[in-house]
Amino acid sequence: MPTRITTAVMHKDTGRSAVADDFLHAAPARAANALATPAYTAPARALHWITAVLILFMIPTGFMAANEWGGSLQDSLYDLHKSVGAVIIPIVMVRLAYRWRHPPLPLPADVPPLQRLVAEATHWALYALLALQPLIGWIATSAYPAPVPLFGWGTLPPIWPADRALSEQLFSVHQLVGIAIACLVTAHIAGALYHHFVRKDRVLMRMISG
């Protein structure tokens, strides 16, 4: 029975096989395709920076409102804080759904496992608290009872019956969660700056330019 033997064609001048030659020619194309694929899509980056701006606004205004540092603008500060908090709820929900459908590329291969674990834990802890925090505020405000305005366009409906004692407890939890978010945001920013200025990799730029 005849047997067919497949052999690689060798170049006479270098002795390199045609298979190896094809592989070497294809490598730059593969590298270009990898660079062309963004770690985060444009919508993911937009959602990230919108969330970042809102959170960086909410942290100081929340502490100012809680400590009644607003002076004559205290009531307006409360209303603005509640309005922005109401906007954060759908943004975080959309962001979570989008990330589930469009997960980002993994971190660079040279990032140590411990740093990967810390980054992943920080991300998901932030997601959880950002989803939880405005809901706690909404329930606490409803139980107070007080309205949740939407920039003067209307108000959100109450989602909890009046219960002043529960409201005060939830506002205390709301303040503690705010401190936790501030700590996680600080760690997140510090990690991004560490990657950019110390490790000099593209981890930060992935969220800026993809």
C-alpha atoms as a PDB file:
ATOM      1  CA  MET A   1       0.000   0.000   0.000  1.00  0.00           C
ATOM      2  CA  PRO A   2       1.636   3.311  -1.007  1.00  0.00           C
ATOM      3  CA  THR A   3       2.567   5.674   1.769  1.00  0.00           C
ATOM      4  CA  ARG A   4       2.603   9.451   1.249  1.00  0.00           C
ATOM      5  CA  ILE A   5       5.284  11.287   3.167  1.00  0.00           C
ATOM      6  CA  THR A   6       4.865  15.047   3.639  1.00  0.00           C
ATOM      7  CA  THR A   7       8.097  16.953   4.075  1.00  0.00           C
ATOM      8  CA  ALA A   8       8.731  20.636   4.565  1.00  0.00           C
ATOM      9  CA  VAL A   9      10.251  22.379   1.566  1.00  0.00           C
ATOM     10  CA  MET A  10      13.702  23.723   2.441  1.00  0.00           C
ATOM     11  CA  HIS A  11      15.180  26.947   1.129  1.00  0.00           C
ATOM     12  CA  LYS A  12      18.450  26.208  -0.615  1.00  0.00           C
ATOM     13  CA  ASP A  13      20.240  29.308   0.710  1.00  0.00           C
ATOM     14  CA  THR A  14      19.264  29.167   4.390  1.00  0.00           C
ATOM     15  CA  GLY A  15      18.035  25.641   5.011  1.00  0.00           C
ATOM     16  CA  ARG A  16      14.881  27.130   6.602  1.00  0.00           C
ATOM     17  CA  SER A  17      11.639  25.283   5.969  1.00  0.00           C
ATOM     18  CA  ALA A  18       8.748  26.917   4.133  1.00  0.00           C
ATOM     19  CA  VAL A  19       6.596  26.289   7.215  1.00  0.00           C
ATOM     20  CA  ALA A  20       9.002  28.257   9.403  1.00  0.00           C
ATOM     21  CA  ASP A  21       9.223  30.987   6.768  1.00  0.00           C
ATOM     22  CA  ASP A  22       5.430  31.341   6.689  1.00  0.00           C
ATOM     23  CA  PHE A  23       5.359  31.493  10.496  1.00  0.00           C
ATOM     24  CA  LEU A  24       7.955  34.259  10.609  1.00  0.00           C
ATOM     25  CA  HIS A  25       6.135  36.284   7.976  1.00  0.00           C
ATOM     26  CA  ALA A  26       2.822  35.871   9.826  1.00  0.00           C
ATOM     27  CA  ALA A  27       4.225  36.937  13.217  1.00  0.00           C
ATOM     28  CA  PRO A  28       4.221  40.706  12.498  1.00  0.00           C
ATOM     29  CA  ALA A  29       0.632  40.492  11.281  1.00  0.00           C
ATOM     30  CA  ARG A  30      -0.415  38.713  14.444  1.00  0.00           C
ATOM     31  CA  ALA A  31       1.357  41.319  16.562  1.00  0.00           C
ATOM     32  CA  ALA A  32      -0.353  44.125  14.638  1.00  0.00           C
ATOM     33  CA  ASN A  33      -3.746  42.503  15.161  1.00  0.00           C
ATOM     34  CA  ALA A  34      -3.054  42.173  18.893  1.00  0.00           C
ATOM     35  CA  LEU A  35      -2.161  45.857  19.109  1.00  0.00           C
ATOM     36  CA  ALA A  36      -5.224  46.788  17.076  1.00  0.00           C
ATOM     37  CA  THR A  37      -7.537  45.028  19.551  1.00  0.00           C
ATOM     38  CA  PRO A  38      -8.233  47.454  22.408  1.00  0.00           C
ATOM     39  CA  ALA A  39      -8.112  46.129  25.959  1.00  0.00           C
ATOM     40  CA  TYR A  40     -11.253  48.154  26.651  1.00  0.00           C
ATOM     41  CA  THR A  41     -13.753  49.166  23.988  1.00  0.00           C
ATOM     42  CA  ALA A  42     -14.707  52.819  23.522  1.00  0.00           C
ATOM     43  CA  PRO A  43     -18.085  52.376  25.308  1.00  0.00           C
ATOM     44  CA  ALA A  44     -16.344  50.655  28.232  1.00  0.00           C
ATOM     45  CA  ARG A  45     -13.856  53.497  28.522  1.00  0.00           C
ATOM     46  CA  ALA A  46     -16.626  56.101  28.311  1.00  0.00           C
ATOM     47  CA  LEU A  47     -18.630  54.364  31.050  1.00  0.00           C
ATOM     48  CA  HIS A  48     -15.510  54.137  33.221  1.00  0.00           C
ATOM     49  CA  TRP A  49     -14.663  57.835  32.984  1.00  0.00           C
ATOM     50  CA  ILE A  50     -18.267  58.971  33.433  1.00  0.00           C
ATOM     51  CA  THR A  51     -18.451  56.849  36.587  1.00  0.00           C
ATOM     52  CA  ALA A  52     -15.059  58.141  37.756  1.00  0.00           C
ATOM     53  CA  VAL A  53     -16.084  61.794  37.385  1.00  0.00           C
ATOM     54  CA  LEU A  54     -19.355  61.213  39.240  1.00  0.00           C
ATOM     55  CA  ILE A  55     -17.696  59.297  42.090  1.00  0.00           C
ATOM     56  CA  LEU A  56     -14.909  61.865  42.474  1.00  0.00           C
ATOM     57  CA  PHE A  57     -17.679  64.458  42.756  1.00  0.00           C
ATOM     58  CA  MET A  58     -19.814  62.417  45.157  1.00  0.00           C
ATOM     59  CA  ILE A  59     -17.105  61.593  47.707  1.00  0.00           C
ATOM     60  CA  PRO A  60     -16.298  65.184  48.781  1.00  0.00           C
ATOM     61  CA  THR A  61     -19.889  66.429  48.461  1.00  0.00           C
ATOM     62  CA  GLY A  62     -21.065  63.467  50.522  1.00  0.00           C
ATOM     63  CA  PHE A  63     -18.647  64.262  53.334  1.00  0.00           C
ATOM     64  CA  MET A  64     -19.559  67.949  53.161  1.00  0.00           C
ATOM     65  CA  ALA A  65     -23.265  67.156  53.351  1.00  0.00           C
ATOM     66  CA  ALA A  66     -22.830  64.643  56.173  1.00  0.00           C
ATOM     67  CA  ASN A  67     -20.829  67.128  58.251  1.00  0.00           C
ATOM     68  CA  GLU A  68     -23.114  70.044  57.330  1.00  0.00           C
ATOM     69  CA  TRP A  69     -20.274  72.090  55.854  1.00  0.00           C
ATOM     70  CA  GLY A  70     -22.504  73.474  53.101  1.00  0.00           C
ATOM     71  CA  GLY A  71     -23.534  76.571  55.028  1.00  0.00           C
ATOM     72  CA  SER A  72     -26.360  78.397  53.282  1.00  0.00           C
ATOM     73  CA  LEU A  73     -26.073  75.902  50.418  1.00  0.00           C
ATOM     74  CA  GLN A  74     -26.544  72.859  52.635  1.00  0.00           C
ATOM     75  CA  ASP A  75     -30.017  71.972  51.310  1.00  0.00           C
ATOM     76  CA  SER A  76     -28.895  72.456  47.694  1.00  0.00           C
ATOM     77  CA  LEU A  77     -25.824  70.317  48.388  1.00  0.00           C
ATOM     78  CA  TYR A  78     -28.021  67.523  49.755  1.00  0.00           C
ATOM     79  CA  ASP A  79     -30.322  67.696  46.730  1.00  0.00           C
ATOM     80  CA  LEU A  80     -27.405  67.674  44.280  1.00  0.00           C
ATOM     81  CA  HIS A  81     -25.803  64.727  46.071  1.00  0.00           C
ATOM     82  CA  LYS A  82     -29.060  62.779  45.924  1.00  0.00           C
ATOM     83  CA  SER A  83     -29.646  63.669  42.269  1.00  0.00           C
ATOM     84  CA  VAL A  84     -26.194  62.499  41.183  1.00  0.00           C
ATOM     85  CA  GLY A  85     -26.603  59.357  43.280  1.00  0.00           C
ATOM     86  CA  ALA A  86     -29.827  58.584  41.427  1.00  0.00           C
ATOM     87  CA  VAL A  87     -27.984  58.924  38.105  1.00  0.00           C
ATOM     88  CA  ILE A  88     -25.202  56.589  39.252  1.00  0.00           C
ATOM     89  CA  ILE A  89     -27.633  53.684  39.745  1.00  0.00           C
ATOM     90  CA  PRO A  90     -28.429  53.068  36.039  1.00  0.00           C
ATOM     91  CA  ILE A  91     -24.884  53.919  34.945  1.00  0.00           C
ATOM     92  CA  VAL A  92     -23.410  51.249  37.223  1.00  0.00           C
ATOM     93  CA  MET A  93     -26.033  48.727  36.092  1.00  0.00           C
ATOM     94  CA  VAL A  94     -25.269  49.430  32.420  1.00  0.00           C
ATOM     95  CA  ARG A  95     -21.555  49.223  33.100  1.00  0.00           C
ATOM     96  CA  LEU A  96     -21.851  45.850  34.834  1.00  0.00           C
ATOM     97  CA  ALA A  97     -24.008  44.459  32.030  1.00  0.00           C
ATOM     98  CA  TYR A  98     -21.617  45.776  29.382  1.00  0.00           C
ATOM     99  CA  ARG A  99     -18.574  44.323  31.132  1.00  0.00           C
ATOM    100  CA  TRP A 100     -20.304  40.951  31.363  1.00  0.00           C
ATOM    101  CA  ARG A 101     -21.002  41.002  27.630  1.00  0.00           C
ATOM    102  CA  HIS A 102     -17.658  42.593  26.633  1.00  0.00           C
ATOM    103  CA  PRO A 103     -14.968  41.514  29.104  1.00  0.00           C
ATOM    104  CA  PRO A 104     -11.642  43.386  28.783  1.00  0.00           C
ATOM    105  CA  LEU A 105      -8.429  41.754  27.680  1.00  0.00           C
ATOM    106  CA  PRO A 106      -6.339  40.250  30.509  1.00  0.00           C
ATOM    107  CA  LEU A 107      -3.598  42.263  32.144  1.00  0.00           C
ATOM    108  CA  PRO A 108      -0.143  42.003  30.532  1.00  0.00           C
ATOM    109  CA  ALA A 109       1.496  38.623  31.082  1.00  0.00           C
ATOM    110  CA  ASP A 110       4.359  40.105  33.121  1.00  0.00           C
ATOM    111  CA  VAL A 111       2.044  41.444  35.857  1.00  0.00           C
ATOM    112  CA  PRO A 112       2.688  39.312  38.988  1.00  0.00           C
ATOM    113  CA  PRO A 113      -0.141  37.032  40.164  1.00  0.00           C
ATOM    114  CA  LEU A 114      -0.544  38.898  43.466  1.00  0.00           C
ATOM    115  CA  GLN A 115      -1.037  42.196  41.642  1.00  0.00           C
ATOM    116  CA  ARG A 116      -3.584  40.540  39.368  1.00  0.00           C
ATOM    117  CA  LEU A 117      -5.482  39.273  42.413  1.00  0.00           C
ATOM    118  CA  VAL A 118      -5.430  42.679  44.118  1.00  0.00           C
ATOM    119  CA  ALA A 119      -6.560  44.446  40.934  1.00  0.00           C
ATOM    120  CA  GLU A 120      -9.427  41.997  40.404  1.00  0.00           C
ATOM    121  CA  ALA A 121     -10.530  42.192  44.039  1.00  0.00           C
ATOM    122  CA  THR A 122     -10.415  46.008  43.995  1.00  0.00           C
ATOM    123  CA  HIS A 123     -12.431  46.190  40.777  1.00  0.00           C
ATOM    124  CA  TRP A 124     -15.216  43.897  41.946  1.00  0.00           C
ATOM    125  CA  ALA A 125     -15.338  45.419  45.434  1.00  0.00           C
ATOM    126  CA  LEU A 126     -15.784  48.831  43.796  1.00  0.00           C
ATOM    127  CA  TYR A 127     -18.515  47.498  41.519  1.00  0.00           C
ATOM    128  CA  ALA A 128     -20.355  45.958  44.477  1.00  0.00           C
ATOM    129  CA  LEU A 129     -20.156  49.074  46.653  1.00  0.00           C
ATOM    130  CA  LEU A 130     -21.046  51.427  43.793  1.00  0.00           C
ATOM    131  CA  ALA A 131     -24.161  49.359  43.120  1.00  0.00           C
ATOM    132  CA  LEU A 132     -25.034  49.138  46.820  1.00  0.00           C
ATOM    133  CA  GLN A 133     -24.288  52.689  47.984  1.00  0.00           C
ATOM    134  CA  PRO A 134     -26.960  54.663  46.085  1.00  0.00           C
ATOM    135  CA  LEU A 135     -29.580  52.050  46.956  1.00  0.00           C
ATOM    136  CA  ILE A 136     -28.737  52.412  50.660  1.00  0.00           C
ATOM    137  CA  GLY A 137     -29.053  56.167  50.291  1.00  0.00           C
ATOM    138  CA  TRP A 138     -32.377  55.841  48.486  1.00  0.00           C
ATOM    139  CA  ILE A 139     -33.821  53.527  51.153  1.00  0.00           C
ATOM    140  CA  ALA A 140     -32.504  55.727  53.978  1.00  0.00           C
ATOM    141  CA  THR A 141     -33.958  58.859  52.388  1.00  0.00           C
ATOM    142  CA  SER A 142     -37.297  57.141  51.782  1.00  0.00           C
ATOM    143  CA  ALA A 143     -37.429  55.931  55.384  1.00  0.00           C
ATOM    144  CA  TYR A 144     -36.538  59.379  56.775  1.00  0.00           C
ATOM    145  CA  PRO A 145     -38.905  60.314  54.944  1.00  0.00           C
ATOM    146  CA  ALA A 146     -37.555  62.850  52.440  1.00  0.00           C
ATOM    147  CA  PRO A 147     -37.726  63.254  48.656  1.00  0.00           C
ATOM    148  CA  VAL A 148     -35.002  62.143  46.240  1.00  0.00           C
ATOM    149  CA  PRO A 149     -34.895  64.917  43.630  1.00  0.00           C
ATOM    150  CA  LEU A 150     -33.691  64.578  40.056  1.00  0.00           C
ATOM    151  CA  PHE A 151     -32.067  67.943  39.332  1.00  0.00           C
ATOM    152  CA  GLY A 152     -35.409  69.692  39.767  1.00  0.00           C
ATOM    153  CA  TRP A 153     -37.044  67.628  37.018  1.00  0.00           C
ATOM    154  CA  GLY A 154     -38.996  65.456  39.442  1.00  0.00           C
ATOM    155  CA  THR A 155     -38.413  63.029  42.295  1.00  0.00           C
ATOM    156  CA  LEU A 156     -37.821  59.318  42.641  1.00  0.00           C
ATOM    157  CA  PRO A 157     -40.637  57.394  44.345  1.00  0.00           C
ATOM    158  CA  PRO A 158     -40.016  56.216  47.916  1.00  0.00           C
ATOM    159  CA  ILE A 159     -39.000  52.583  48.136  1.00  0.00           C
ATOM    160  CA  TRP A 160     -39.338  52.137  51.915  1.00  0.00           C
ATOM    161  CA  PRO A 161     -42.019  53.117  54.454  1.00  0.00           C
ATOM    162  CA  ALA A 162     -41.280  55.872  56.940  1.00  0.00           C
ATOM    163  CA  ASP A 163     -38.994  54.632  59.728  1.00  0.00           C
ATOM    164  CA  ARG A 164     -36.785  57.334  61.234  1.00  0.00           C
ATOM    165  CA  ALA A 165     -34.748  54.921  63.392  1.00  0.00           C
ATOM    166  CA  LEU A 166     -33.941  52.697  60.409  1.00  0.00           C
ATOM    167  CA  SER A 167     -33.146  55.762  58.340  1.00  0.00           C
ATOM    168  CA  GLU A 168     -30.550  56.980  60.835  1.00  0.00           C
ATOM    169  CA  GLN A 169     -28.931  53.540  60.958  1.00  0.00           C
ATOM    170  CA  LEU A 170     -28.801  53.336  57.177  1.00  0.00           C
ATOM    171  CA  PHE A 171     -27.301  56.811  56.886  1.00  0.00           C
ATOM    172  CA  SER A 172     -24.533  55.653  59.228  1.00  0.00           C
ATOM    173  CA  VAL A 173     -23.950  52.627  56.988  1.00  0.00           C
ATOM    174  CA  HIS A 174     -24.072  54.943  53.969  1.00  0.00           C
ATOM    175  CA  GLN A 175     -21.280  57.035  55.473  1.00  0.00           C
ATOM    176  CA  LEU A 176     -19.123  53.959  56.211  1.00  0.00           C
ATOM    177  CA  VAL A 177     -19.621  52.620  52.688  1.00  0.00           C
ATOM    178  CA  GLY A 178     -18.625  56.052  51.363  1.00  0.00           C
ATOM    179  CA  ILE A 179     -15.366  55.843  53.326  1.00  0.00           C
ATOM    180  CA  ALA A 180     -14.757  52.339  51.952  1.00  0.00           C
ATOM    181  CA  ILE A 181     -15.360  53.568  48.385  1.00  0.00           C
ATOM    182  CA  ALA A 182     -12.951  56.468  48.943  1.00  0.00           C
ATOM    183  CA  CYS A 183     -10.270  54.018  50.140  1.00  0.00           C
ATOM    184  CA  LEU A 184     -10.803  51.691  47.172  1.00  0.00           C
ATOM    185  CA  VAL A 185     -10.755  54.579  44.699  1.00  0.00           C
ATOM    186  CA  THR A 186      -7.491  55.806  46.240  1.00  0.00           C
ATOM    187  CA  ALA A 187      -5.983  52.320  45.923  1.00  0.00           C
ATOM    188  CA  HIS A 188      -7.256  52.052  42.352  1.00  0.00           C
ATOM    189  CA  ILE A 189      -5.712  55.388  41.344  1.00  0.00           C
ATOM    190  CA  ALA A 190      -2.461  54.568  43.136  1.00  0.00           C
ATOM    191  CA  GLY A 191      -2.249  51.238  41.306  1.00  0.00           C
ATOM    192  CA  ALA A 192      -2.824  52.865  37.934  1.00  0.00           C
ATOM    193  CA  LEU A 193      -0.126  55.482  38.605  1.00  0.00           C
ATOM    194  CA  TYR A 194       2.257  52.771  39.828  1.00  0.00           C
ATOM    195  CA  HIS A 195       1.837  50.864  36.579  1.00  0.00           C
ATOM    196  CA  HIS A 196       2.299  54.000  34.488  1.00  0.00           C
ATOM    197  CA  PHE A 197       5.249  55.645  36.242  1.00  0.00           C
ATOM    198  CA  VAL A 198       7.053  52.748  37.977  1.00  0.00           C
ATOM    199  CA  ARG A 199       6.396  49.663  35.881  1.00  0.00           C
ATOM    200  CA  LYS A 200       6.001  51.818  32.754  1.00  0.00           C
ATOM    201  CA  ASP A 201       3.510  49.431  31.170  1.00  0.00           C
ATOM    202  CA  ARG A 202       0.228  50.149  29.347  1.00  0.00           C
ATOM    203  CA  VAL A 203      -2.199  49.286  32.145  1.00  0.00           C
ATOM    204  CA  LEU A 204      -3.309  52.912  32.603  1.00  0.00           C
ATOM    205  CA  MET A 205      -3.270  53.667  28.880  1.00  0.00           C
ATOM    206  CA  ARG A 206      -5.587  50.707  28.240  1.00  0.00           C
ATOM    207  CA  MET A 207      -8.361  52.762  29.865  1.00  0.00           C
ATOM    208  CA  ILE A 208      -7.353  55.994  28.094  1.00  0.00           C
ATOM    209  CA  SER A 209      -6.645  54.961  24.530  1.00  0.00           C
ATOM    210  CA  GLY A 210      -7.557  51.274  24.567  1.00  0.00           C
END
